[in-house]
Amino acid sequence: MAVEARVMLSLRAAQIDALTEPRLADFAERMRAHVCRCFVATTRTMSDEDIREVIRCGLERAQIHGIDGERGICKYINLMFVFGRDFDRDPRLPWAREILAGARVHRDLSTIELLYREALVHEAEAQGLEGSNP
């Protein structure tokens, strides 16, 4: 008779966080390089810590809105640099609030894809928004 040994592995939330933290830090650093490369005019006047803070905020806000995956989060942070850090709450951008609140859905598009497509339509408006910097 074979004796089967089973080992139960139990991870606490803090341990899981510790395992994912290096990956998150790597993503945040890649995002910092990305926004510095793609949004030169905006990031040129920001300190590295200010840029990192916008990225941290973007990570949190994307999660609140149910946006996940590196590609989706990257798009969300891009929108922050185009429309302003608080674009998801800005009364001048009702289309963004509607999409993120689930008031506008598209059968074939995720929330971030729908938001990004709509943002491209309204990108010219971003040029006229005072205080739209992150």
N, C-alpha and C. Protein backbone atom coordinates (compact mmCIF):
# COMPACT_ATOMS: atom_id res chain seq x y z
N MET A 1 0.84 -1.17 0.00
CA MET A 1 0.00 0.00 0.00
C MET A 1 0.89 1.24 0.00
N ALA A 2 0.64 2.10 -0.94
CA ALA A 2 1.42 3.34 -1.01
C ALA A 2 0.82 4.36 -0.07
N VAL A 3 1.70 5.02 0.58
CA VAL A 3 1.27 6.08 1.49
C VAL A 3 1.40 7.39 0.74
N GLU A 4 0.31 8.11 0.68
CA GLU A 4 0.30 9.38 -0.04
C GLU A 4 0.53 10.51 0.94
N ALA A 5 1.53 11.27 0.69
CA ALA A 5 1.82 12.42 1.55
C ALA A 5 1.32 13.68 0.84
N ARG A 6 0.52 14.41 1.52
CA ARG A 6 0.02 15.67 0.96
C ARG A 6 0.56 16.83 1.79
N VAL A 7 1.01 17.78 1.09
CA VAL A 7 1.53 18.97 1.74
C VAL A 7 0.58 20.11 1.40
N MET A 8 0.08 20.73 2.41
CA MET A 8 -0.80 21.89 2.21
C MET A 8 0.05 23.15 2.30
N LEU A 9 -0.10 23.97 1.34
CA LEU A 9 0.60 25.23 1.33
C LEU A 9 -0.42 26.32 1.59
N SER A 10 -0.18 27.07 2.62
CA SER A 10 -1.11 28.13 2.97
C SER A 10 -0.34 29.45 2.97
N LEU A 11 -0.81 30.36 2.13
CA LEU A 11 -0.17 31.67 2.05
C LEU A 11 -1.10 32.73 2.61
N ARG A 12 -0.55 33.56 3.43
CA ARG A 12 -1.31 34.70 3.95
C ARG A 12 -1.26 35.82 2.91
N ALA A 13 -2.19 36.74 3.03
CA ALA A 13 -2.28 37.86 2.08
C ALA A 13 -0.96 38.63 2.02
N ALA A 14 -0.33 38.84 3.16
CA ALA A 14 0.94 39.57 3.19
C ALA A 14 2.02 38.84 2.40
N GLN A 15 2.01 37.51 2.46
CA GLN A 15 2.99 36.73 1.71
C GLN A 15 2.73 36.84 0.20
N ILE A 16 1.48 36.80 -0.18
CA ILE A 16 1.13 36.93 -1.59
C ILE A 16 1.53 38.32 -2.09
N ASP A 17 1.26 39.34 -1.28
CA ASP A 17 1.66 40.70 -1.64
C ASP A 17 3.17 40.79 -1.83
N ALA A 18 3.92 40.13 -0.95
CA ALA A 18 5.38 40.16 -1.03
C ALA A 18 5.87 39.48 -2.31
N LEU A 19 5.16 38.43 -2.74
CA LEU A 19 5.54 37.74 -3.97
C LEU A 19 5.26 38.60 -5.20
N THR A 20 4.19 39.36 -5.19
CA THR A 20 3.83 40.16 -6.36
C THR A 20 4.48 41.53 -6.36
N GLU A 21 4.99 41.98 -5.24
CA GLU A 21 5.57 43.32 -5.14
C GLU A 21 6.71 43.55 -6.13
N PRO A 22 7.67 42.61 -6.29
CA PRO A 22 8.73 42.86 -7.27
C PRO A 22 8.19 43.00 -8.69
N ARG A 23 7.18 42.23 -9.03
CA ARG A 23 6.56 42.33 -10.36
C ARG A 23 5.88 43.68 -10.55
N LEU A 24 5.21 44.13 -9.51
CA LEU A 24 4.53 45.42 -9.55
C LEU A 24 5.54 46.55 -9.67
N ALA A 25 6.63 46.45 -8.92
CA ALA A 25 7.68 47.48 -8.99
C ALA A 25 8.30 47.53 -10.38
N ASP A 26 8.49 46.36 -10.98
CA ASP A 26 9.04 46.30 -12.34
C ASP A 26 8.08 46.95 -13.33
N PHE A 27 6.78 46.65 -13.20
CA PHE A 27 5.79 47.25 -14.09
C PHE A 27 5.75 48.77 -13.91
N ALA A 28 5.77 49.23 -12.67
CA ALA A 28 5.74 50.67 -12.39
C ALA A 28 6.95 51.36 -13.01
N GLU A 29 8.10 50.73 -12.95
CA GLU A 29 9.31 51.32 -13.53
C GLU A 29 9.23 51.34 -15.06
N ARG A 30 8.70 50.28 -15.65
CA ARG A 30 8.50 50.28 -17.10
C ARG A 30 7.49 51.35 -17.51
N MET A 31 6.45 51.55 -16.68
CA MET A 31 5.47 52.60 -16.96
C MET A 31 6.11 53.98 -16.86
N ARG A 32 6.99 54.18 -15.89
CA ARG A 32 7.67 55.47 -15.75
C ARG A 32 8.47 55.77 -17.02
N ALA A 33 9.22 54.78 -17.49
CA ALA A 33 10.00 54.97 -18.72
C ALA A 33 9.07 55.24 -19.91
N HIS A 34 7.97 54.53 -19.97
CA HIS A 34 7.00 54.69 -21.06
C HIS A 34 6.42 56.10 -21.07
N VAL A 35 5.93 56.58 -19.94
CA VAL A 35 5.30 57.90 -19.94
C VAL A 35 6.32 59.00 -20.19
N CYS A 36 7.55 58.81 -19.72
CA CYS A 36 8.59 59.80 -20.00
C CYS A 36 8.92 59.87 -21.48
N ARG A 37 8.82 58.73 -22.15
CA ARG A 37 9.10 58.66 -23.59
C ARG A 37 7.91 59.18 -24.41
N CYS A 38 6.69 58.89 -23.97
CA CYS A 38 5.50 59.21 -24.77
C CYS A 38 4.86 60.55 -24.43
N PHE A 39 5.11 61.06 -23.23
CA PHE A 39 4.49 62.32 -22.79
C PHE A 39 5.57 63.28 -22.33
N VAL A 40 6.50 63.55 -23.23
CA VAL A 40 7.69 64.35 -22.92
C VAL A 40 7.33 65.73 -22.39
N ALA A 41 6.41 66.41 -23.04
CA ALA A 41 6.06 67.78 -22.65
C ALA A 41 5.52 67.82 -21.22
N THR A 42 4.76 66.82 -20.84
CA THR A 42 4.19 66.78 -19.49
C THR A 42 5.22 66.34 -18.46
N THR A 43 5.93 65.28 -18.74
CA THR A 43 6.84 64.71 -17.74
C THR A 43 8.12 65.53 -17.57
N ARG A 44 8.46 66.33 -18.55
CA ARG A 44 9.68 67.14 -18.47
C ARG A 44 9.66 68.06 -17.24
N THR A 45 8.49 68.51 -16.85
CA THR A 45 8.39 69.43 -15.71
C THR A 45 8.07 68.72 -14.40
N MET A 46 8.02 67.39 -14.43
CA MET A 46 7.68 66.61 -13.24
C MET A 46 8.92 65.92 -12.68
N SER A 47 8.96 65.78 -11.37
CA SER A 47 10.04 64.99 -10.76
C SER A 47 9.72 63.51 -10.95
N ASP A 48 10.75 62.67 -10.81
CA ASP A 48 10.52 61.22 -10.90
C ASP A 48 9.51 60.78 -9.85
N GLU A 49 9.58 61.36 -8.67
CA GLU A 49 8.64 60.97 -7.61
C GLU A 49 7.22 61.38 -7.98
N ASP A 50 7.03 62.55 -8.59
CA ASP A 50 5.69 62.96 -9.04
C ASP A 50 5.16 62.00 -10.10
N ILE A 51 6.02 61.60 -11.02
CA ILE A 51 5.61 60.65 -12.07
C ILE A 51 5.22 59.32 -11.43
N ARG A 52 6.04 58.85 -10.50
CA ARG A 52 5.74 57.59 -9.82
C ARG A 52 4.43 57.67 -9.04
N GLU A 53 4.14 58.82 -8.47
CA GLU A 53 2.89 59.00 -7.73
C GLU A 53 1.68 58.93 -8.65
N VAL A 54 1.77 59.53 -9.83
CA VAL A 54 0.68 59.44 -10.80
C VAL A 54 0.48 57.98 -11.20
N ILE A 55 1.57 57.27 -11.41
CA ILE A 55 1.48 55.85 -11.78
C ILE A 55 0.85 55.05 -10.65
N ARG A 56 1.25 55.29 -9.41
CA ARG A 56 0.63 54.59 -8.26
C ARG A 56 -0.86 54.88 -8.21
N CYS A 57 -1.22 56.13 -8.41
CA CYS A 57 -2.63 56.52 -8.42
C CYS A 57 -3.36 55.80 -9.56
N GLY A 58 -2.74 55.74 -10.72
CA GLY A 58 -3.34 55.06 -11.86
C GLY A 58 -3.56 53.58 -11.61
N LEU A 59 -2.60 52.94 -10.96
CA LEU A 59 -2.75 51.52 -10.62
C LEU A 59 -3.95 51.32 -9.71
N GLU A 60 -4.09 52.18 -8.70
CA GLU A 60 -5.21 52.07 -7.76
C GLU A 60 -6.54 52.35 -8.44
N ARG A 61 -6.59 53.43 -9.23
CA ARG A 61 -7.85 53.81 -9.87
C ARG A 61 -8.28 52.78 -10.90
N ALA A 62 -7.32 52.24 -11.65
CA ALA A 62 -7.65 51.22 -12.63
C ALA A 62 -8.27 50.02 -11.93
N GLN A 63 -7.69 49.64 -10.80
CA GLN A 63 -8.22 48.50 -10.04
C GLN A 63 -9.64 48.80 -9.55
N ILE A 64 -9.86 49.99 -9.05
CA ILE A 64 -11.20 50.39 -8.58
C ILE A 64 -12.22 50.25 -9.71
N HIS A 65 -11.79 50.61 -10.92
CA HIS A 65 -12.70 50.56 -12.07
C HIS A 65 -12.74 49.18 -12.73
N GLY A 66 -12.06 48.20 -12.14
CA GLY A 66 -12.10 46.84 -12.67
C GLY A 66 -11.21 46.63 -13.88
N ILE A 67 -10.26 47.51 -14.07
CA ILE A 67 -9.34 47.39 -15.20
C ILE A 67 -8.09 46.68 -14.71
N ASP A 68 -7.74 45.60 -15.38
CA ASP A 68 -6.56 44.86 -14.94
C ASP A 68 -5.71 44.48 -16.13
N GLY A 69 -4.64 43.79 -15.87
CA GLY A 69 -3.70 43.43 -16.92
C GLY A 69 -2.82 44.62 -17.26
N GLU A 70 -1.59 44.34 -17.58
CA GLU A 70 -0.63 45.43 -17.85
C GLU A 70 -1.08 46.33 -18.99
N ARG A 71 -1.61 45.74 -20.04
CA ARG A 71 -2.04 46.54 -21.20
C ARG A 71 -3.18 47.50 -20.82
N GLY A 72 -4.18 46.98 -20.10
CA GLY A 72 -5.30 47.82 -19.69
C GLY A 72 -4.87 48.92 -18.74
N ILE A 73 -4.03 48.58 -17.79
CA ILE A 73 -3.55 49.58 -16.82
C ILE A 73 -2.69 50.63 -17.52
N CYS A 74 -1.87 50.19 -18.46
CA CYS A 74 -1.06 51.14 -19.23
C CYS A 74 -1.95 52.13 -19.97
N LYS A 75 -2.99 51.63 -20.59
CA LYS A 75 -3.92 52.53 -21.31
C LYS A 75 -4.58 53.51 -20.34
N TYR A 76 -4.97 53.02 -19.17
CA TYR A 76 -5.60 53.89 -18.18
C TYR A 76 -4.64 55.01 -17.77
N ILE A 77 -3.39 54.65 -17.50
CA ILE A 77 -2.40 55.66 -17.09
C ILE A 77 -2.12 56.62 -18.24
N ASN A 78 -2.09 56.12 -19.48
CA ASN A 78 -1.94 57.01 -20.62
C ASN A 78 -3.04 58.07 -20.62
N LEU A 79 -4.27 57.63 -20.36
CA LEU A 79 -5.39 58.57 -20.33
C LEU A 79 -5.22 59.61 -19.23
N MET A 80 -4.62 59.22 -18.12
CA MET A 80 -4.36 60.18 -17.05
C MET A 80 -3.40 61.28 -17.53
N PHE A 81 -2.41 60.89 -18.33
CA PHE A 81 -1.44 61.88 -18.81
C PHE A 81 -2.01 62.75 -19.93
N VAL A 82 -3.04 62.28 -20.61
CA VAL A 82 -3.66 63.08 -21.66
C VAL A 82 -4.77 63.97 -21.09
N PHE A 83 -5.65 63.39 -20.27
CA PHE A 83 -6.84 64.10 -19.81
C PHE A 83 -6.74 64.62 -18.38
N GLY A 84 -5.68 64.28 -17.69
CA GLY A 84 -5.50 64.74 -16.31
C GLY A 84 -5.65 63.59 -15.32
N ARG A 85 -4.99 63.72 -14.24
CA ARG A 85 -4.95 62.67 -13.21
C ARG A 85 -6.34 62.23 -12.77
N ASP A 86 -7.25 63.16 -12.64
CA ASP A 86 -8.60 62.87 -12.17
C ASP A 86 -9.62 62.82 -13.30
N PHE A 87 -9.19 62.41 -14.48
CA PHE A 87 -10.11 62.41 -15.63
C PHE A 87 -11.36 61.58 -15.36
N ASP A 88 -11.23 60.55 -14.53
CA ASP A 88 -12.38 59.68 -14.26
C ASP A 88 -13.43 60.36 -13.40
N ARG A 89 -13.09 61.50 -12.81
CA ARG A 89 -14.02 62.25 -11.96
C ARG A 89 -14.33 63.63 -12.51
N ASP A 90 -13.70 63.99 -13.61
CA ASP A 90 -13.80 65.34 -14.14
C ASP A 90 -15.18 65.57 -14.76
N PRO A 91 -15.94 66.56 -14.27
CA PRO A 91 -17.27 66.84 -14.82
C PRO A 91 -17.22 67.30 -16.28
N ARG A 92 -16.05 67.74 -16.74
CA ARG A 92 -15.91 68.15 -18.14
C ARG A 92 -15.76 66.96 -19.08
N LEU A 93 -15.66 65.76 -18.50
CA LEU A 93 -15.48 64.54 -19.29
C LEU A 93 -16.57 63.52 -18.95
N PRO A 94 -17.83 63.87 -19.19
CA PRO A 94 -18.92 62.97 -18.80
C PRO A 94 -18.84 61.61 -19.49
N TRP A 95 -18.31 61.56 -20.68
CA TRP A 95 -18.17 60.30 -21.41
C TRP A 95 -17.29 59.31 -20.64
N ALA A 96 -16.23 59.81 -20.01
CA ALA A 96 -15.33 58.93 -19.24
C ALA A 96 -16.04 58.40 -18.00
N ARG A 97 -16.73 59.29 -17.28
CA ARG A 97 -17.46 58.87 -16.07
C ARG A 97 -18.54 57.86 -16.42
N GLU A 98 -19.25 58.09 -17.52
CA GLU A 98 -20.33 57.17 -17.94
C GLU A 98 -19.77 55.78 -18.24
N ILE A 99 -18.69 55.72 -18.99
CA ILE A 99 -18.11 54.43 -19.35
C ILE A 99 -17.60 53.71 -18.10
N LEU A 100 -16.89 54.41 -17.24
CA LEU A 100 -16.32 53.79 -16.05
C LEU A 100 -17.39 53.38 -15.04
N ALA A 101 -18.55 54.06 -15.07
CA ALA A 101 -19.64 53.70 -14.17
C ALA A 101 -20.49 52.56 -14.74
N GLY A 102 -20.19 52.16 -15.96
CA GLY A 102 -20.94 51.07 -16.58
C GLY A 102 -22.21 51.51 -17.27
N ALA A 103 -22.40 52.83 -17.40
CA ALA A 103 -23.60 53.34 -18.05
C ALA A 103 -23.53 53.15 -19.56
N ARG A 104 -22.33 52.98 -20.09
CA ARG A 104 -22.16 52.73 -21.52
C ARG A 104 -21.34 51.45 -21.66
N VAL A 105 -21.90 50.49 -22.30
CA VAL A 105 -21.20 49.22 -22.50
C VAL A 105 -21.24 48.84 -23.98
N HIS A 106 -20.33 48.02 -24.35
CA HIS A 106 -20.27 47.52 -25.72
C HIS A 106 -20.03 46.02 -25.63
N ARG A 107 -20.84 45.28 -26.31
CA ARG A 107 -20.81 43.82 -26.23
C ARG A 107 -19.44 43.25 -26.58
N ASP A 108 -18.71 43.88 -27.50
CA ASP A 108 -17.45 43.32 -27.97
C ASP A 108 -16.20 43.99 -27.41
N LEU A 109 -16.37 44.99 -26.56
CA LEU A 109 -15.22 45.72 -26.04
C LEU A 109 -15.19 45.71 -24.52
N SER A 110 -14.00 45.60 -23.96
CA SER A 110 -13.85 45.73 -22.51
C SER A 110 -14.02 47.20 -22.15
N THR A 111 -14.16 47.46 -20.88
CA THR A 111 -14.32 48.85 -20.42
C THR A 111 -13.16 49.71 -20.88
N ILE A 112 -11.93 49.23 -20.71
CA ILE A 112 -10.77 50.05 -21.09
C ILE A 112 -10.71 50.27 -22.60
N GLU A 113 -11.09 49.26 -23.39
CA GLU A 113 -11.07 49.44 -24.84
C GLU A 113 -12.12 50.45 -25.27
N LEU A 114 -13.31 50.38 -24.69
CA LEU A 114 -14.36 51.34 -24.99
C LEU A 114 -13.93 52.74 -24.57
N LEU A 115 -13.36 52.85 -23.37
CA LEU A 115 -12.89 54.14 -22.85
C LEU A 115 -11.80 54.71 -23.76
N TYR A 116 -10.86 53.87 -24.17
CA TYR A 116 -9.74 54.33 -24.99
C TYR A 116 -10.24 54.79 -26.37
N ARG A 117 -11.16 54.04 -26.96
CA ARG A 117 -11.71 54.44 -28.26
C ARG A 117 -12.44 55.78 -28.15
N GLU A 118 -13.22 55.94 -27.10
CA GLU A 118 -13.94 57.20 -26.92
C GLU A 118 -12.96 58.34 -26.65
N ALA A 119 -11.90 58.04 -25.93
CA ALA A 119 -10.89 59.06 -25.63
C ALA A 119 -10.24 59.58 -26.91
N LEU A 120 -10.01 58.71 -27.86
CA LEU A 120 -9.42 59.14 -29.13
C LEU A 120 -10.32 60.15 -29.84
N VAL A 121 -11.62 59.97 -29.70
CA VAL A 121 -12.58 60.91 -30.29
C VAL A 121 -12.48 62.27 -29.62
N HIS A 122 -12.22 62.26 -28.31
CA HIS A 122 -12.22 63.51 -27.53
C HIS A 122 -10.81 64.05 -27.25
N GLU A 123 -9.80 63.46 -27.84
CA GLU A 123 -8.42 63.86 -27.54
C GLU A 123 -8.17 65.34 -27.79
N ALA A 124 -8.73 65.90 -28.83
CA ALA A 124 -8.53 67.32 -29.12
C ALA A 124 -9.04 68.19 -27.98
N GLU A 125 -10.09 67.74 -27.31
CA GLU A 125 -10.63 68.51 -26.18
C GLU A 125 -9.60 68.64 -25.06
N ALA A 126 -8.75 67.63 -24.93
CA ALA A 126 -7.77 67.63 -23.85
C ALA A 126 -6.81 68.82 -23.97
N GLN A 127 -6.58 69.28 -25.19
CA GLN A 127 -5.69 70.40 -25.39
C GLN A 127 -6.22 71.67 -24.72
N GLY A 128 -7.52 71.78 -24.58
CA GLY A 128 -8.12 72.98 -24.00
C GLY A 128 -8.46 72.86 -22.53
N LEU A 129 -8.20 71.72 -21.90
CA LEU A 129 -8.55 71.57 -20.49
C LEU A 129 -7.48 72.20 -19.61
N GLU A 130 -7.86 73.20 -18.86
CA GLU A 130 -6.92 73.79 -17.91
C GLU A 130 -6.70 72.82 -16.78
N GLY A 131 -5.47 72.74 -16.32
CA GLY A 131 -5.17 71.86 -15.20
C GLY A 131 -5.33 70.40 -15.54
N SER A 132 -5.20 70.05 -16.80
CA SER A 132 -5.39 68.64 -17.16
C SER A 132 -4.12 67.82 -16.94
N ASN A 133 -3.05 68.46 -16.55
CA ASN A 133 -1.84 67.70 -16.28
C ASN A 133 -2.03 66.82 -15.09
N PRO A 134 -1.33 65.70 -15.06
CA PRO A 134 -1.47 64.75 -13.95
C PRO A 134 -1.18 65.32 -12.60
